[in-house]
C-alpha atoms as a PDB file:
ATOM      1  CA  MET A   1       0.850   4.118  -3.164  1.00  0.00           C
ATOM      2  CA  LYS A   2      -2.122   4.969  -1.005  1.00  0.00           C
ATOM      3  CA  THR A   3      -2.690   3.217   2.395  1.00  0.00           C
ATOM      4  CA  TYR A   4      -6.039   3.182   3.749  1.00  0.00           C
ATOM      5  CA  THR A   5      -6.437   2.792   7.660  1.00  0.00           C
ATOM      6  CA  GLY A   6      -9.725   2.167   9.661  1.00  0.00           C
ATOM      7  CA  HIS A   7     -10.076   2.862  13.375  1.00  0.00           C
ATOM      8  CA  ARG A   8     -12.654   3.294  15.742  1.00  0.00           C
ATOM      9  CA  THR A   9     -12.885   6.647  17.813  1.00  0.00           C
ATOM     10  CA  GLU A  10     -15.406   7.981  20.286  1.00  0.00           C
ATOM     11  CA  ASP A  11     -17.169   9.559  17.550  1.00  0.00           C
ATOM     12  CA  GLY A  12     -17.556   6.602  15.404  1.00  0.00           C
ATOM     13  CA  CYS A  13     -15.456   5.197  12.534  1.00  0.00           C
ATOM     14  CA  ALA A  14     -12.751   7.043  10.926  1.00  0.00           C
ATOM     15  CA  VAL A  15     -10.720   6.094   7.909  1.00  0.00           C
ATOM     16  CA  VAL A  16      -7.456   7.766   6.975  1.00  0.00           C
ATOM     17  CA  VAL A  17      -5.765   7.724   3.617  1.00  0.00           C
ATOM     18  CA  SER A  18      -1.829   8.168   3.301  1.00  0.00           C
ATOM     19  CA  ASP A  19      -0.141   8.666   0.471  1.00  0.00           C
ATOM     20  CA  GLY A  20       3.710   9.375   1.675  1.00  0.00           C
ATOM     21  CA  ASP A  21       3.825  11.785   4.239  1.00  0.00           C
ATOM     22  CA  ALA A  22       0.192  13.427   3.915  1.00  0.00           C
ATOM     23  CA  GLY A  23      -2.873  11.817   5.511  1.00  0.00           C
ATOM     24  CA  ARG A  24      -6.386  12.798   4.867  1.00  0.00           C
ATOM     25  CA  GLY A  25      -9.819  11.531   6.040  1.00  0.00           C
ATOM     26  CA  LEU A  26     -11.589   9.465   3.318  1.00  0.00           C
ATOM     27  CA  ASP A  27     -14.407  11.506   1.416  1.00  0.00           C
ATOM     28  CA  PRO A  28     -17.598   9.393   2.246  1.00  0.00           C
ATOM     29  CA  ARG A  29     -19.034  10.209  -1.219  1.00  0.00           C
ATOM     30  CA  PHE A  30     -22.414  11.234   0.018  1.00  0.00           C
ATOM     31  CA  ASP A  31     -22.776  12.812  -3.450  1.00  0.00           C
ATOM     32  CA  LEU A  32     -22.790   9.473  -5.058  1.00  0.00           C
ATOM     33  CA  ARG A  33     -25.269   7.832  -2.642  1.00  0.00           C
ATOM     34  CA  THR A  34     -25.927   8.216   0.931  1.00  0.00           C
ATOM     35  CA  HIS A  35     -26.216   4.770   2.629  1.00  0.00           C
ATOM     36  CA  SER A  36     -25.047   6.016   5.827  1.00  0.00           C
ATOM     37  CA  PRO A  37     -25.415   9.479   6.949  1.00  0.00           C
ATOM     38  CA  THR A  38     -23.472   8.752  10.087  1.00  0.00           C
ATOM     39  CA  GLY A  39     -20.603   7.655   8.138  1.00  0.00           C
ATOM     40  CA  PHE A  40     -18.537   4.486   7.815  1.00  0.00           C
ATOM     41  CA  ASP A  41     -18.497   1.067   9.527  1.00  0.00           C
ATOM     42  CA  TRP A  42     -17.176  -2.329   8.533  1.00  0.00           C
ATOM     43  CA  GLY A  43     -16.974  -6.082   9.551  1.00  0.00           C
ATOM     44  CA  TYR A  44     -20.928  -6.832   8.429  1.00  0.00           C
ATOM     45  CA  GLY A  45     -23.027  -6.085   5.331  1.00  0.00           C
ATOM     46  CA  GLY A  46     -25.106  -3.088   6.406  1.00  0.00           C
ATOM     47  CA  SER A  47     -25.115   0.723   5.612  1.00  0.00           C
ATOM     48  CA  GLY A  48     -22.044   1.875   7.111  1.00  0.00           C
ATOM     49  CA  PRO A  49     -19.927  -0.901   5.314  1.00  0.00           C
ATOM     50  CA  ALA A  50     -21.762   0.125   2.037  1.00  0.00           C
ATOM     51  CA  GLN A  51     -20.744   4.036   2.628  1.00  0.00           C
ATOM     52  CA  LEU A  52     -17.055   2.957   3.145  1.00  0.00           C
ATOM     53  CA  ALA A  53     -17.028   0.554   0.252  1.00  0.00           C
ATOM     54  CA  LEU A  54     -18.365   3.031  -2.123  1.00  0.00           C
ATOM     55  CA  ALA A  55     -15.721   5.624  -0.977  1.00  0.00           C
ATOM     56  CA  LEU A  56     -13.042   3.104  -1.256  1.00  0.00           C
ATOM     57  CA  ALA A  57     -13.819   1.859  -4.810  1.00  0.00           C
ATOM     58  CA  ALA A  58     -14.516   5.637  -5.870  1.00  0.00           C
ATOM     59  CA  ASP A  59     -11.120   6.590  -4.339  1.00  0.00           C
ATOM     60  CA  VAL A  60      -9.257   3.784  -5.943  1.00  0.00           C
ATOM     61  CA  LEU A  61     -10.660   3.762  -9.343  1.00  0.00           C
ATOM     62  CA  GLY A  62     -11.050   7.205  -9.943  1.00  0.00           C
ATOM     63  CA  ASP A  63     -14.295   6.582 -11.687  1.00  0.00           C
ATOM     64  CA  ASP A  64     -17.532   7.455  -9.970  1.00  0.00           C
ATOM     65  CA  GLU A  65     -19.681   5.220 -12.470  1.00  0.00           C
ATOM     66  CA  ALA A  66     -17.509   2.176 -12.161  1.00  0.00           C
ATOM     67  CA  ALA A  67     -17.590   2.653  -8.431  1.00  0.00           C
ATOM     68  CA  LEU A  68     -21.340   2.790  -8.554  1.00  0.00           C
ATOM     69  CA  GLY A  69     -21.308  -0.207 -10.448  1.00  0.00           C
ATOM     70  CA  VAL A  70     -19.098  -2.722  -8.106  1.00  0.00           C
ATOM     71  CA  TYR A  71     -19.043  -1.205  -4.364  1.00  0.00           C
ATOM     72  CA  GLN A  72     -21.886  -3.548  -3.198  1.00  0.00           C
ATOM     73  CA  ARG A  73     -19.781  -6.509  -4.302  1.00  0.00           C
ATOM     74  CA  LEU A  74     -16.808  -4.908  -2.672  1.00  0.00           C
ATOM     75  CA  LYS A  75     -18.884  -4.367   0.627  1.00  0.00           C
ATOM     76  CA  PHE A  76     -19.512  -8.265   0.858  1.00  0.00           C
ATOM     77  CA  ARG A  77     -16.124  -9.402  -0.323  1.00  0.00           C
ATOM     78  CA  VAL A  78     -13.843  -7.117   1.517  1.00  0.00           C
ATOM     79  CA  VAL A  79     -15.465  -4.445   3.813  1.00  0.00           C
ATOM     80  CA  GLY A  80     -17.961  -6.748   5.485  1.00  0.00           C
ATOM     81  CA  ARG A  81     -15.030  -9.030   6.398  1.00  0.00           C
ATOM     82  CA  LEU A  82     -12.782  -6.470   7.915  1.00  0.00           C
ATOM     83  CA  PRO A  83     -11.708  -6.802  11.445  1.00  0.00           C
ATOM     84  CA  GLY A  84     -14.051  -4.746  13.922  1.00  0.00           C
ATOM     85  CA  HIS A  85     -11.053  -3.270  15.951  1.00  0.00           C
ATOM     86  CA  GLY A  86      -9.143  -1.735  12.876  1.00  0.00           C
ATOM     87  CA  TRP A  87      -7.527  -2.619   9.665  1.00  0.00           C
ATOM     88  CA  THR A  88      -5.223  -1.355   7.035  1.00  0.00           C
ATOM     89  CA  LEU A  89      -5.563  -1.831   3.320  1.00  0.00           C
ATOM     90  CA  THR A  90      -3.295  -0.738   0.605  1.00  0.00           C
ATOM     91  CA  GLU A  91      -4.348   0.784  -2.674  1.00  0.00           C
ATOM     92  CA  ALA A  92      -2.933  -2.253  -4.571  1.00  0.00           C
ATOM     93  CA  GLU A  93      -4.845  -4.794  -2.423  1.00  0.00           C
ATOM     94  CA  LEU A  94      -7.899  -2.752  -3.117  1.00  0.00           C
ATOM     95  CA  ALA A  95      -7.314  -2.603  -6.849  1.00  0.00           C
ATOM     96  CA  ASP A  96      -6.612  -6.312  -6.992  1.00  0.00           C
ATOM     97  CA  ALA A  97      -9.962  -7.063  -5.278  1.00  0.00           C
ATOM     98  CA  LEU A  98     -11.630  -4.536  -7.509  1.00  0.00           C
ATOM     99  CA  ARG A  99     -10.137  -6.332 -10.640  1.00  0.00           C
ATOM    100  CA  ALA A 100     -11.361  -9.594  -9.295  1.00  0.00           C
ATOM    101  CA  LEU A 101     -14.766  -8.501  -9.007  1.00  0.00           C
ATOM    102  CA  ALA A 102     -14.686  -7.065 -12.431  1.00  0.00           C
ATOM    103  CA  ARG A 103     -13.308 -10.363 -13.981  1.00  0.00           C
ATOM    104  CA  HIS A 104     -16.285 -12.199 -12.198  1.00  0.00           C
ATOM    105  CA  ASP A 105     -18.733  -9.795 -13.722  1.00  0.00           C
ATOM    106  CA  GLY A 106     -17.348 -10.775 -17.173  1.00  0.00           C
ATOM    107  CA  GLU A 107     -17.793 -14.696 -16.646  1.00  0.00           C
END
């Protein structure tokens, strides 16, 4: 199972995806939409959090169209509420949040 960890650096915000031993930077998915050319952020509802929500949704769902349909709600429900100093989320936690958002859409 993947783990997503966000932390602040001198150069801005970084998000690492770990799956067992390997870790990699989360792809910001500028190919889908560019909200924040300077990258990720969290803890509020702006462009950096939108970029992070899109990247997280695309990575967890593995479906670009589905990610585009849900990431703004993920931004407000999850990413905008993450603590400013840093955070860790599991793939399961994000998948649960995305399923809850999808159920809400069906109501």
